[in-house]
Amino acid sequence: MDWRTSVARAAAALGLPGERVADAWRARYQPQLETVRSGEREWVVLDVLHREALDHVLAELGLELGAGERDELTLAWHRLDPWPDTVPGLARLKRRYVLAPCSNGHIAQSVALARHAGLPWDAILGAEIARAYKPDPEVYRASVAALGLAPGEAMMVAAHDGDLQAAAACGLRTAFVARPREHGPGQRSDLHAGPGVDVEAADFLALADVLGA
């Protein structure tokens, strides 16, 4: 999903500097997840973490926004637009494979994203199933087990090499799909697959080609 463009557009619609807000908000993503991964706090869904992070971002940038508008802006993460290849590529893959997101997003968010973008999931798995956040190994293991599979029967597909390395350590096969503009035109990370990744593809259509779908 093209989160940066989508969130920036939603923030701009409320009179905020869209890209600055989107980038600063995303920068708080991993630190917020770490509060759960470290045991500092009990499990909470991503909406809670996103909402708390938004308060910090607006304070840091000196921006004002009412509580109701903050709640509504948080739901921008439920309405992300897909990259152009996402839906047609997934539709091809679905002909041959079971598709399920193994996401740090919770089920309500993932359902909303699927409805908004037309994502053809067979199931929605990930963090809420395990009540943990990636790269905690339990997220990958619980997602695979929920489909009645062994790790070697599943493939984790991601645009982030760290995600793939963690999945591979749990025995999953891995595929890297490049999203070189995920963080904007100046992106310097996750441009190519790291060592040991099974498949590297330019987009989901190319992945479907490689996997015979």
Protein backbone atom coordinates (compact mmCIF):
# COMPACT_ATOMS: atom_id res chain seq x y z
CA MET A 1 0.00 0.00 0.00
CA ASP A 2 1.20 3.51 -0.82
CA TRP A 3 0.88 4.76 2.74
CA ARG A 4 2.90 7.96 2.28
CA THR A 5 0.78 9.42 -0.52
CA SER A 6 -2.46 8.32 1.13
CA VAL A 7 -1.69 9.65 4.61
CA ALA A 8 -0.19 12.88 3.26
CA ARG A 9 -3.38 13.49 1.24
CA ALA A 10 -5.59 12.92 4.28
CA ALA A 11 -3.47 15.25 6.42
CA ALA A 12 -3.44 17.95 3.74
CA ALA A 13 -7.24 17.77 3.53
CA LEU A 14 -7.27 18.91 7.17
CA GLY A 15 -4.97 21.83 6.44
CA LEU A 16 -1.78 20.16 7.64
CA PRO A 17 1.56 19.89 5.79
CA GLY A 18 0.79 16.45 4.41
CA GLU A 19 4.18 14.96 3.61
CA ARG A 20 5.81 16.32 6.76
CA VAL A 21 3.08 14.78 8.89
CA ALA A 22 3.16 11.45 7.02
CA ASP A 23 6.94 11.12 7.30
CA ALA A 24 7.10 12.13 10.96
CA TRP A 25 4.21 9.81 11.79
CA ARG A 26 5.83 6.85 10.07
CA ALA A 27 9.12 7.60 11.87
CA ARG A 28 7.32 6.83 15.14
CA TYR A 29 6.01 3.48 13.89
CA GLN A 30 8.82 1.20 15.06
CA PRO A 31 9.36 3.02 18.39
CA GLN A 32 5.63 2.66 19.12
CA LEU A 33 5.71 -1.06 18.26
CA GLU A 34 8.73 -1.48 20.49
CA THR A 35 6.73 -0.37 23.53
CA VAL A 36 4.70 -3.57 23.09
CA ARG A 37 7.55 -5.82 21.92
CA SER A 38 9.69 -4.84 24.92
CA GLY A 39 6.92 -5.62 27.40
CA GLU A 40 6.74 -1.98 28.47
CA ARG A 41 3.00 -2.12 27.86
CA GLU A 42 0.29 -4.69 27.24
CA TRP A 43 -0.79 -5.61 23.73
CA VAL A 44 -2.82 -2.90 21.98
CA VAL A 45 -3.91 -2.71 18.35
CA LEU A 46 -2.18 -0.48 15.85
CA ASP A 47 -4.94 2.15 15.90
CA VAL A 48 -4.05 2.93 19.51
CA LEU A 49 -0.36 3.26 18.70
CA HIS A 50 -1.03 5.38 15.62
CA ARG A 51 -3.31 7.72 17.56
CA GLU A 52 -0.76 8.21 20.34
CA ALA A 53 2.00 8.80 17.80
CA LEU A 54 -0.11 11.41 16.01
CA ASP A 55 -0.39 13.43 19.22
CA HIS A 56 3.40 13.45 19.53
CA VAL A 57 3.91 14.37 15.87
CA LEU A 58 1.52 17.31 15.97
CA ALA A 59 3.14 18.59 19.16
CA GLU A 60 6.62 18.29 17.66
CA LEU A 61 5.58 20.13 14.49
CA GLY A 62 3.63 22.78 16.40
CA LEU A 63 0.36 21.91 14.67
CA GLU A 64 -3.16 22.20 16.04
CA LEU A 65 -5.95 19.72 15.35
CA GLY A 66 -9.08 18.90 17.32
CA ALA A 67 -9.54 15.54 19.02
CA GLY A 68 -12.26 14.43 16.61
CA GLU A 69 -10.14 15.35 13.62
CA ARG A 70 -7.21 13.46 15.13
CA ASP A 71 -9.39 10.37 15.48
CA GLU A 72 -10.54 10.70 11.88
CA LEU A 73 -7.00 11.24 10.58
CA THR A 74 -5.88 8.08 12.38
CA LEU A 75 -8.34 6.18 10.20
CA ALA A 76 -6.40 7.30 7.12
CA TRP A 77 -4.34 4.16 7.80
CA HIS A 78 -7.53 2.20 7.02
CA ARG A 79 -7.89 3.87 3.61
CA LEU A 80 -4.48 3.47 1.98
CA ASP A 81 -4.37 3.26 -1.79
CA PRO A 82 -2.63 0.28 -3.40
CA TRP A 83 0.35 0.52 -5.71
CA PRO A 84 -0.80 0.10 -9.35
CA ASP A 85 0.45 -3.50 -9.58
CA THR A 86 -0.96 -4.67 -6.25
CA VAL A 87 -4.51 -5.70 -7.09
CA PRO A 88 -3.87 -7.21 -10.55
CA GLY A 89 -0.78 -8.99 -9.26
CA LEU A 90 -2.58 -10.43 -6.24
CA ALA A 91 -5.49 -11.50 -8.45
CA ARG A 92 -3.09 -13.54 -10.55
CA LEU A 93 -1.37 -15.05 -7.52
CA LYS A 94 -4.75 -15.97 -5.99
CA ARG A 95 -5.46 -18.32 -8.91
CA ARG A 96 -2.73 -20.63 -7.62
CA TYR A 97 -1.96 -19.65 -4.03
CA VAL A 98 -3.75 -18.89 -0.76
CA LEU A 99 -3.23 -15.20 0.05
CA ALA A 100 -3.21 -13.72 3.54
CA PRO A 101 -1.52 -10.62 4.95
CA CYS A 102 0.90 -11.28 7.81
CA SER A 103 0.73 -7.69 8.93
CA ASN A 104 1.32 -5.61 12.02
CA GLY A 105 -2.06 -4.10 11.27
CA HIS A 106 -5.00 -5.50 13.22
CA ILE A 107 -7.94 -7.34 11.68
CA ALA A 108 -10.32 -4.35 11.55
CA GLN A 109 -7.71 -2.25 9.78
CA SER A 110 -6.85 -5.03 7.34
CA VAL A 111 -10.52 -5.60 6.52
CA ALA A 112 -10.99 -1.88 5.91
CA LEU A 113 -7.93 -1.79 3.65
CA ALA A 114 -9.20 -4.78 1.70
CA ARG A 115 -12.61 -3.18 1.23
CA HIS A 116 -11.09 0.17 0.24
CA ALA A 117 -8.55 -1.19 -2.23
CA GLY A 118 -10.17 -4.42 -3.42
CA LEU A 119 -7.51 -6.71 -1.99
CA PRO A 120 -8.44 -10.37 -2.65
CA TRP A 121 -7.37 -11.97 0.63
CA ASP A 122 -8.36 -15.52 1.54
CA ALA A 123 -7.72 -14.81 5.23
CA ILE A 124 -6.37 -12.00 7.42
CA LEU A 125 -3.57 -12.99 9.76
CA GLY A 126 -0.63 -11.35 11.51
CA ALA A 127 -0.08 -9.44 14.71
CA GLU A 128 -3.55 -9.69 16.23
CA ILE A 129 -3.56 -13.47 15.83
CA ALA A 130 -0.32 -13.69 17.83
CA ARG A 131 -0.90 -10.61 20.02
CA ALA A 132 2.64 -9.60 19.17
CA TYR A 133 4.37 -7.42 16.62
CA LYS A 134 6.84 -8.43 13.94
CA PRO A 135 9.64 -9.33 13.92
CA ASP A 136 8.59 -11.40 16.94
CA PRO A 137 8.82 -14.98 15.61
CA GLU A 138 5.39 -15.83 17.04
CA VAL A 139 3.70 -13.58 14.47
CA TYR A 140 5.04 -15.65 11.57
CA ARG A 141 4.54 -19.00 13.32
CA ALA A 142 0.97 -18.27 14.41
CA SER A 143 0.00 -17.03 10.95
CA VAL A 144 1.34 -20.14 9.23
CA ALA A 145 -0.24 -22.44 11.81
CA ALA A 146 -3.63 -20.74 11.40
CA LEU A 147 -3.70 -22.01 7.82
CA GLY A 148 -2.72 -25.53 8.88
CA LEU A 149 0.68 -25.26 7.19
CA ALA A 150 4.26 -25.94 8.11
CA PRO A 151 6.62 -22.94 7.79
CA GLY A 152 8.31 -24.38 4.71
CA GLU A 153 4.94 -24.49 2.92
CA ALA A 154 4.48 -20.72 3.20
CA MET A 155 6.21 -17.74 1.61
CA MET A 156 6.50 -14.34 3.24
CA VAL A 157 6.33 -11.56 0.66
CA ALA A 158 7.47 -8.11 1.78
CA ALA A 159 9.18 -4.89 0.74
CA HIS A 160 11.32 -4.81 3.90
CA ASP A 161 14.37 -7.03 4.17
CA GLY A 162 14.24 -7.17 7.96
CA ASP A 163 10.74 -8.66 7.77
CA LEU A 164 11.97 -11.32 5.35
CA GLN A 165 15.03 -12.19 7.41
CA ALA A 166 12.83 -12.71 10.49
CA ALA A 167 10.42 -14.88 8.49
CA ALA A 168 13.26 -16.94 7.04
CA ALA A 169 14.59 -17.55 10.54
CA CYS A 170 11.21 -19.19 11.28
CA GLY A 171 11.55 -21.48 8.27
CA LEU A 172 9.39 -19.60 5.75
CA ARG A 173 10.40 -19.08 2.16
CA THR A 174 10.77 -15.42 1.22
CA ALA A 175 10.12 -13.03 -1.66
CA PHE A 176 11.17 -9.38 -1.88
CA VAL A 177 8.99 -6.98 -3.88
CA ALA A 178 10.67 -3.62 -4.31
CA ARG A 179 8.86 -0.42 -3.31
CA PRO A 180 11.62 2.11 -4.04
CA ARG A 181 9.36 5.15 -3.47
CA GLU A 182 7.63 3.94 -0.32
CA HIS A 183 9.35 6.63 1.73
CA GLY A 184 9.43 9.21 -1.06
CA PRO A 185 11.94 10.11 -3.76
CA GLY A 186 14.94 10.10 -1.40
CA GLN A 187 14.56 6.51 -0.18
CA ARG A 188 17.89 4.81 0.49
CA SER A 189 16.88 1.56 2.20
CA ASP A 190 15.10 -1.62 1.09
CA LEU A 191 15.91 -1.02 -2.56
CA HIS A 192 17.01 -4.62 -3.12
CA ALA A 193 16.69 -7.97 -1.39
CA GLY A 194 19.23 -8.93 1.21
CA PRO A 195 21.23 -12.15 1.26
CA GLY A 196 19.34 -15.41 1.38
CA VAL A 197 16.00 -14.18 0.01
CA ASP A 198 14.52 -16.81 -2.30
CA VAL A 199 12.89 -14.51 -4.88
CA GLU A 200 13.29 -10.85 -5.82
CA ALA A 201 10.71 -9.16 -8.06
CA ALA A 202 10.12 -5.63 -9.27
CA ASP A 203 6.40 -5.77 -8.43
CA PHE A 204 3.53 -8.22 -7.86
CA LEU A 205 3.00 -8.82 -11.56
CA ALA A 206 6.64 -9.85 -11.87
CA LEU A 207 6.28 -12.03 -8.79
CA ALA A 208 3.29 -13.76 -10.39
CA ASP A 209 5.45 -14.43 -13.44
CA VAL A 210 8.21 -15.97 -11.32
CA LEU A 211 5.77 -18.11 -9.33
CA GLY A 212 3.89 -19.35 -12.37
CA ALA A 213 0.59 -17.63 -11.61
